[in-house]
PDB file of all heavy atoms in Angstrom:
ATOM      1  N   GLU A   1     -10.542 -19.872  31.851  1.00  0.00           N
ATOM      2  CA  GLU A   1      -9.660 -18.677  31.443  1.00  0.00           C
ATOM      3  C   GLU A   1      -8.352 -19.023  30.649  1.00  0.00           C
ATOM      4  O   GLU A   1      -8.009 -18.330  29.749  1.00  0.00           O
ATOM      5  CB  GLU A   1      -9.462 -17.748  32.519  1.00  0.00           C
ATOM      6  CG  GLU A   1     -10.584 -17.032  33.146  1.00  0.00           C
ATOM      7  CD  GLU A   1     -10.315 -16.166  34.280  1.00  0.00           C
ATOM      8  OE1 GLU A   1      -9.226 -16.271  34.898  1.00  0.00           O
ATOM      9  OE2 GLU A   1     -11.371 -15.522  34.709  1.00  0.00           O
ATOM     10  N   ARG A   2      -7.728 -20.007  31.252  1.00  0.00           N
ATOM     11  CA  ARG A   2      -6.513 -20.500  30.471  1.00  0.00           C
ATOM     12  C   ARG A   2      -6.696 -21.154  29.198  1.00  0.00           C
ATOM     13  O   ARG A   2      -6.060 -20.835  28.245  1.00  0.00           O
ATOM     14  CB  ARG A   2      -5.650 -21.430  31.392  1.00  0.00           C
ATOM     15  CG  ARG A   2      -5.209 -21.056  32.707  1.00  0.00           C
ATOM     16  CD  ARG A   2      -4.085 -21.985  33.175  1.00  0.00           C
ATOM     17  NE  ARG A   2      -4.453 -23.277  33.282  1.00  0.00           N
ATOM     18  CZ  ARG A   2      -5.023 -23.864  34.295  1.00  0.00           C
ATOM     19  NH1 ARG A   2      -5.215 -23.120  35.407  1.00  0.00           N
ATOM     20  NH2 ARG A   2      -5.184 -25.211  34.351  1.00  0.00           N
ATOM     21  N   SER A   3      -7.863 -21.777  29.091  1.00  0.00           N
ATOM     22  CA  SER A   3      -8.217 -22.507  27.871  1.00  0.00           C
ATOM     23  C   SER A   3      -8.657 -21.442  26.766  1.00  0.00           C
ATOM     24  O   SER A   3      -8.184 -21.524  25.584  1.00  0.00           O
ATOM     25  CB  SER A   3      -9.348 -23.467  28.055  1.00  0.00           C
ATOM     26  OG  SER A   3      -9.040 -24.533  28.968  1.00  0.00           O
ATOM     27  N   MET A   4      -9.405 -20.448  27.270  1.00  0.00           N
ATOM     28  CA  MET A   4      -9.844 -19.424  26.469  1.00  0.00           C
ATOM     29  C   MET A   4      -8.618 -18.609  25.828  1.00  0.00           C
ATOM     30  O   MET A   4      -8.615 -18.216  24.658  1.00  0.00           O
ATOM     31  CB  MET A   4     -10.767 -18.391  27.108  1.00  0.00           C
ATOM     32  CG  MET A   4     -12.244 -18.894  27.310  1.00  0.00           C
ATOM     33  SD  MET A   4     -13.122 -19.276  25.732  1.00  0.00           S
ATOM     34  CE  MET A   4     -12.989 -17.657  25.050  1.00  0.00           C
ATOM     35  N   ALA A   5      -7.771 -18.290  26.791  1.00  0.00           N
ATOM     36  CA  ALA A   5      -6.459 -17.463  26.305  1.00  0.00           C
ATOM     37  C   ALA A   5      -5.759 -18.308  25.229  1.00  0.00           C
ATOM     38  O   ALA A   5      -5.269 -17.682  24.235  1.00  0.00           O
ATOM     39  CB  ALA A   5      -5.607 -17.255  27.509  1.00  0.00           C
ATOM     40  N   ARG A   6      -5.545 -19.534  25.421  1.00  0.00           N
ATOM     41  CA  ARG A   6      -4.842 -20.368  24.402  1.00  0.00           C
ATOM     42  C   ARG A   6      -5.522 -20.537  23.172  1.00  0.00           C
ATOM     43  O   ARG A   6      -4.930 -20.320  22.004  1.00  0.00           O
ATOM     44  CB  ARG A   6      -4.610 -21.751  24.956  1.00  0.00           C
ATOM     45  CG  ARG A   6      -3.525 -21.854  26.078  1.00  0.00           C
ATOM     46  CD  ARG A   6      -3.404 -23.269  26.645  1.00  0.00           C
ATOM     47  NE  ARG A   6      -3.089 -24.200  25.486  1.00  0.00           N
ATOM     48  CZ  ARG A   6      -3.636 -25.507  25.505  1.00  0.00           C
ATOM     49  NH1 ARG A   6      -4.165 -25.951  26.534  1.00  0.00           N
ATOM     50  NH2 ARG A   6      -3.188 -26.213  24.457  1.00  0.00           N
ATOM     51  N   ALA A   7      -6.987 -20.712  23.225  1.00  0.00           N
ATOM     52  CA  ALA A   7      -7.692 -20.771  22.079  1.00  0.00           C
ATOM     53  C   ALA A   7      -7.691 -19.512  21.305  1.00  0.00           C
ATOM     54  O   ALA A   7      -7.702 -19.476  19.952  1.00  0.00           O
ATOM     55  CB  ALA A   7      -9.216 -21.140  22.523  1.00  0.00           C
ATOM     56  N   MET A   8      -7.904 -18.385  21.996  1.00  0.00           N
ATOM     57  CA  MET A   8      -7.855 -17.034  21.189  1.00  0.00           C
ATOM     58  C   MET A   8      -6.484 -16.776  20.611  1.00  0.00           C
ATOM     59  O   MET A   8      -6.350 -16.149  19.532  1.00  0.00           O
ATOM     60  CB  MET A   8      -8.153 -15.922  22.231  1.00  0.00           C
ATOM     61  CG  MET A   8      -9.658 -16.093  22.759  1.00  0.00           C
ATOM     62  SD  MET A   8     -10.844 -16.240  21.384  1.00  0.00           S
ATOM     63  CE  MET A   8     -10.575 -14.843  20.274  1.00  0.00           C
ATOM     64  N   GLU A   9      -5.315 -17.225  21.315  1.00  0.00           N
ATOM     65  CA  GLU A   9      -4.067 -16.994  20.672  1.00  0.00           C
ATOM     66  C   GLU A   9      -3.897 -17.743  19.367  1.00  0.00           C
ATOM     67  O   GLU A   9      -3.485 -17.193  18.401  1.00  0.00           O
ATOM     68  CB  GLU A   9      -2.921 -17.421  21.727  1.00  0.00           C
ATOM     69  CG  GLU A   9      -1.530 -17.166  21.249  1.00  0.00           C
ATOM     70  CD  GLU A   9      -0.521 -17.654  22.172  1.00  0.00           C
ATOM     71  OE1 GLU A   9      -0.856 -18.118  23.309  1.00  0.00           O
ATOM     72  OE2 GLU A   9       0.632 -17.443  21.886  1.00  0.00           O
ATOM     73  N   LYS A  10      -4.274 -18.974  19.398  1.00  0.00           N
ATOM     74  CA  LYS A  10      -4.282 -19.757  18.177  1.00  0.00           C
ATOM     75  C   LYS A  10      -5.218 -19.150  17.091  1.00  0.00           C
ATOM     76  O   LYS A  10      -4.827 -19.122  15.902  1.00  0.00           O
ATOM     77  CB  LYS A  10      -4.570 -21.245  18.394  1.00  0.00           C
ATOM     78  CG  LYS A  10      -3.578 -22.073  19.207  1.00  0.00           C
ATOM     79  CD  LYS A  10      -3.978 -23.341  19.646  1.00  0.00           C
ATOM     80  CE  LYS A  10      -4.119 -24.165  18.324  1.00  0.00           C
ATOM     81  NZ  LYS A  10      -4.551 -25.656  18.655  1.00  0.00           N
ATOM     82  N   PHE A  11      -6.359 -18.850  17.476  1.00  0.00           N
ATOM     83  CA  PHE A  11      -7.404 -18.167  16.596  1.00  0.00           C
ATOM     84  C   PHE A  11      -6.832 -16.941  15.953  1.00  0.00           C
ATOM     85  O   PHE A  11      -6.935 -16.825  14.774  1.00  0.00           O
ATOM     86  CB  PHE A  11      -8.575 -17.944  17.432  1.00  0.00           C
ATOM     87  CG  PHE A  11      -9.790 -17.317  16.708  1.00  0.00           C
ATOM     88  CD1 PHE A  11     -10.428 -17.933  15.692  1.00  0.00           C
ATOM     89  CD2 PHE A  11     -10.036 -15.956  16.967  1.00  0.00           C
ATOM     90  CE1 PHE A  11     -11.529 -17.294  15.069  1.00  0.00           C
ATOM     91  CE2 PHE A  11     -11.110 -15.254  16.326  1.00  0.00           C
ATOM     92  CZ  PHE A  11     -11.837 -15.848  15.316  1.00  0.00           C
ATOM     93  N   ASN A  12      -6.246 -16.027  16.803  1.00  0.00           N
ATOM     94  CA  ASN A  12      -5.720 -14.876  16.135  1.00  0.00           C
ATOM     95  C   ASN A  12      -4.502 -15.036  15.351  1.00  0.00           C
ATOM     96  O   ASN A  12      -4.231 -14.364  14.416  1.00  0.00           O
ATOM     97  CB  ASN A  12      -5.444 -13.801  17.305  1.00  0.00           C
ATOM     98  CG  ASN A  12      -6.673 -13.250  17.721  1.00  0.00           C
ATOM     99  OD1 ASN A  12      -7.759 -13.053  17.132  1.00  0.00           O
ATOM    100  ND2 ASN A  12      -6.797 -12.754  19.175  1.00  0.00           N
ATOM    101  N   ASP A  13      -3.694 -16.090  15.683  1.00  0.00           N
ATOM    102  CA  ASP A  13      -2.589 -16.379  14.838  1.00  0.00           C
ATOM    103  C   ASP A  13      -3.000 -16.757  13.350  1.00  0.00           C
ATOM    104  O   ASP A  13      -2.468 -16.331  12.429  1.00  0.00           O
ATOM    105  CB  ASP A  13      -1.734 -17.538  15.454  1.00  0.00           C
ATOM    106  CG  ASP A  13      -0.837 -17.083  16.564  1.00  0.00           C
ATOM    107  OD1 ASP A  13      -0.680 -15.854  16.865  1.00  0.00           O
ATOM    108  OD2 ASP A  13      -0.400 -17.999  17.448  1.00  0.00           O
ATOM    109  N   MET A  14      -4.017 -17.616  13.358  1.00  0.00           N
ATOM    110  CA  MET A  14      -4.537 -17.991  12.050  1.00  0.00           C
ATOM    111  C   MET A  14      -5.158 -16.763  11.267  1.00  0.00           C
ATOM    112  O   MET A  14      -4.886 -16.575  10.048  1.00  0.00           O
ATOM    113  CB  MET A  14      -5.610 -19.059  12.259  1.00  0.00           C
ATOM    114  CG  MET A  14      -6.277 -19.521  10.921  1.00  0.00           C
ATOM    115  SD  MET A  14      -7.531 -20.827  11.162  1.00  0.00           S
ATOM    116  CE  MET A  14      -8.029 -21.141   9.549  1.00  0.00           C
ATOM    117  N   ARG A  15      -5.893 -15.859  12.026  1.00  0.00           N
ATOM    118  CA  ARG A  15      -6.453 -14.833  11.245  1.00  0.00           C
ATOM    119  C   ARG A  15      -5.400 -13.745  10.825  1.00  0.00           C
ATOM    120  O   ARG A  15      -5.572 -13.117   9.860  1.00  0.00           O
ATOM    121  CB  ARG A  15      -7.421 -14.077  12.214  1.00  0.00           C
ATOM    122  CG  ARG A  15      -8.648 -14.937  12.632  1.00  0.00           C
ATOM    123  CD  ARG A  15      -9.734 -14.055  13.154  1.00  0.00           C
ATOM    124  NE  ARG A  15      -9.506 -13.267  14.405  1.00  0.00           N
ATOM    125  CZ  ARG A  15      -9.923 -12.208  14.736  1.00  0.00           C
ATOM    126  NH1 ARG A  15     -10.919 -11.700  14.066  1.00  0.00           N
ATOM    127  NH2 ARG A  15      -9.575 -11.575  15.889  1.00  0.00           N
ATOM    128  N   THR A  16      -4.301 -13.694  11.533  1.00  0.00           N
ATOM    129  CA  THR A  16      -3.191 -12.722  11.300  1.00  0.00           C
ATOM    130  C   THR A  16      -2.560 -13.206   9.981  1.00  0.00           C
ATOM    131  O   THR A  16      -2.141 -12.541   9.127  1.00  0.00           O
ATOM    132  CB  THR A  16      -2.218 -12.647  12.404  1.00  0.00           C
ATOM    133  OG1 THR A  16      -2.768 -12.018  13.468  1.00  0.00           O
ATOM    134  CG2 THR A  16      -0.983 -11.748  12.007  1.00  0.00           C
ATOM    135  N   ARG A  17      -2.345 -14.495   9.934  1.00  0.00           N
ATOM    136  CA  ARG A  17      -1.640 -15.124   8.669  1.00  0.00           C
ATOM    137  C   ARG A  17      -2.566 -15.007   7.432  1.00  0.00           C
ATOM    138  O   ARG A  17      -2.057 -14.609   6.425  1.00  0.00           O
ATOM    139  CB  ARG A  17      -1.494 -16.684   8.862  1.00  0.00           C
ATOM    140  CG  ARG A  17      -0.282 -16.967   9.779  1.00  0.00           C
ATOM    141  CD  ARG A  17       0.062 -18.539   9.710  1.00  0.00           C
ATOM    142  NE  ARG A  17      -1.025 -19.403   9.974  1.00  0.00           N
ATOM    143  CZ  ARG A  17      -1.344 -19.857  11.215  1.00  0.00           C
ATOM    144  NH1 ARG A  17      -0.565 -19.513  12.330  1.00  0.00           N
ATOM    145  NH2 ARG A  17      -2.326 -20.691  11.348  1.00  0.00           N
ATOM    146  N   GLU A  18      -3.924 -15.136   7.593  1.00  0.00           N
ATOM    147  CA  GLU A  18      -4.827 -14.738   6.473  1.00  0.00           C
ATOM    148  C   GLU A  18      -4.745 -13.380   6.185  1.00  0.00           C
ATOM    149  O   GLU A  18      -4.932 -12.961   5.089  1.00  0.00           O
ATOM    150  CB  GLU A  18      -6.145 -15.361   6.802  1.00  0.00           C
ATOM    151  CG  GLU A  18      -6.227 -16.883   6.889  1.00  0.00           C
ATOM    152  CD  GLU A  18      -7.762 -17.258   6.897  1.00  0.00           C
ATOM    153  OE1 GLU A  18      -8.608 -16.382   6.810  1.00  0.00           O
ATOM    154  OE2 GLU A  18      -7.820 -18.520   7.179  1.00  0.00           O
ATOM    155  N   GLY A  19      -4.665 -12.526   7.165  1.00  0.00           N
ATOM    156  CA  GLY A  19      -4.519 -10.976   6.962  1.00  0.00           C
ATOM    157  C   GLY A  19      -3.439 -10.538   6.238  1.00  0.00           C
ATOM    158  O   GLY A  19      -3.468  -9.616   5.374  1.00  0.00           O
ATOM    159  N   GLU A  20      -2.184 -11.275   6.462  1.00  0.00           N
ATOM    160  CA  GLU A  20      -1.114 -10.960   5.676  1.00  0.00           C
ATOM    161  C   GLU A  20      -1.255 -11.269   4.190  1.00  0.00           C
ATOM    162  O   GLU A  20      -0.818 -10.387   3.313  1.00  0.00           O
ATOM    163  CB  GLU A  20       0.107 -11.770   6.134  1.00  0.00           C
ATOM    164  CG  GLU A  20       0.598 -11.373   7.589  1.00  0.00           C
ATOM    165  CD  GLU A  20       1.735 -12.209   8.093  1.00  0.00           C
ATOM    166  OE1 GLU A  20       1.956 -13.448   7.458  1.00  0.00           O
ATOM    167  OE2 GLU A  20       2.261 -12.145   9.254  1.00  0.00           O
ATOM    168  N   SER A  21      -1.905 -12.341   3.877  1.00  0.00           N
ATOM    169  CA  SER A  21      -2.305 -12.635   2.404  1.00  0.00           C
ATOM    170  C   SER A  21      -3.081 -11.496   1.809  1.00  0.00           C
ATOM    171  O   SER A  21      -2.990 -11.034   0.721  1.00  0.00           O
ATOM    172  CB  SER A  21      -2.755 -14.035   2.280  1.00  0.00           C
ATOM    173  OG  SER A  21      -1.885 -14.965   2.680  1.00  0.00           O
ATOM    174  N   LEU A  22      -4.167 -11.234   2.698  1.00  0.00           N
ATOM    175  CA  LEU A  22      -5.061 -10.163   2.234  1.00  0.00           C
ATOM    176  C   LEU A  22      -4.371  -8.714   1.993  1.00  0.00           C
ATOM    177  O   LEU A  22      -4.682  -8.117   0.967  1.00  0.00           O
ATOM    178  CB  LEU A  22      -6.207  -9.971   3.234  1.00  0.00           C
ATOM    179  CG  LEU A  22      -7.328 -11.001   3.411  1.00  0.00           C
ATOM    180  CD1 LEU A  22      -8.123 -10.756   4.606  1.00  0.00           C
ATOM    181  CD2 LEU A  22      -8.136 -11.045   2.075  1.00  0.00           C
ATOM    182  N   GLU A  23      -3.466  -8.478   2.811  1.00  0.00           N
ATOM    183  CA  GLU A  23      -2.721  -7.154   2.783  1.00  0.00           C
ATOM    184  C   GLU A  23      -1.929  -7.148   1.546  1.00  0.00           C
ATOM    185  O   GLU A  23      -1.812  -6.066   0.784  1.00  0.00           O
ATOM    186  CB  GLU A  23      -1.870  -6.872   4.049  1.00  0.00           C
ATOM    187  CG  GLU A  23      -1.157  -5.535   3.981  1.00  0.00           C
ATOM    188  CD  GLU A  23      -0.518  -5.256   5.277  1.00  0.00           C
ATOM    189  OE1 GLU A  23      -0.572  -6.104   6.170  1.00  0.00           O
ATOM    190  OE2 GLU A  23       0.068  -4.114   5.346  1.00  0.00           O
ATOM    191  N   LYS A  24      -1.350  -8.195   1.124  1.00  0.00           N
ATOM    192  CA  LYS A  24      -0.506  -8.182  -0.105  1.00  0.00           C
ATOM    193  C   LYS A  24      -1.423  -7.983  -1.318  1.00  0.00           C
ATOM    194  O   LYS A  24      -1.080  -7.230  -2.222  1.00  0.00           O
ATOM    195  CB  LYS A  24       0.208  -9.612  -0.317  1.00  0.00           C
ATOM    196  CG  LYS A  24       1.376  -9.811   0.756  1.00  0.00           C
ATOM    197  CD  LYS A  24       1.969 -11.266   0.551  1.00  0.00           C
ATOM    198  CE  LYS A  24       3.035 -11.401   1.578  1.00  0.00           C
ATOM    199  NZ  LYS A  24       3.591 -12.865   1.383  1.00  0.00           N
ATOM    200  N   ASP A  25      -2.628  -8.595  -1.322  1.00  0.00           N
ATOM    201  CA  ASP A  25      -3.382  -8.398  -2.506  1.00  0.00           C
ATOM    202  C   ASP A  25      -4.016  -6.983  -2.569  1.00  0.00           C
ATOM    203  O   ASP A  25      -4.072  -6.357  -3.522  1.00  0.00           O
ATOM    204  CB  ASP A  25      -4.748  -9.386  -2.284  1.00  0.00           C
ATOM    205  CG  ASP A  25      -5.669  -9.278  -3.498  1.00  0.00           C
ATOM    206  OD1 ASP A  25      -5.235  -9.746  -4.583  1.00  0.00           O
ATOM    207  OD2 ASP A  25      -6.708  -8.818  -3.295  1.00  0.00           O
ATOM    208  N   LEU A  26      -4.247  -6.454  -1.247  1.00  0.00           N
ATOM    209  CA  LEU A  26      -4.817  -5.025  -1.159  1.00  0.00           C
ATOM    210  C   LEU A  26      -3.810  -4.075  -1.701  1.00  0.00           C
ATOM    211  O   LEU A  26      -3.993  -3.168  -2.477  1.00  0.00           O
ATOM    212  CB  LEU A  26      -5.254  -4.796   0.184  1.00  0.00           C
ATOM    213  CG  LEU A  26      -6.433  -5.331   0.800  1.00  0.00           C
ATOM    214  CD1 LEU A  26      -6.638  -4.989   2.240  1.00  0.00           C
ATOM    215  CD2 LEU A  26      -7.672  -5.057   0.012  1.00  0.00           C
TER     216      LEU A  26
END
C-alpha cells in the first residue's frame, strides 16, 4: 500500500505536468 501510494503520486505528477501542456494548447 505504501509503495502503491508513492508510485501513484509520482505517476499522477507526471500526468499533471503533461496535462498542463495540453491545456495550454487547447
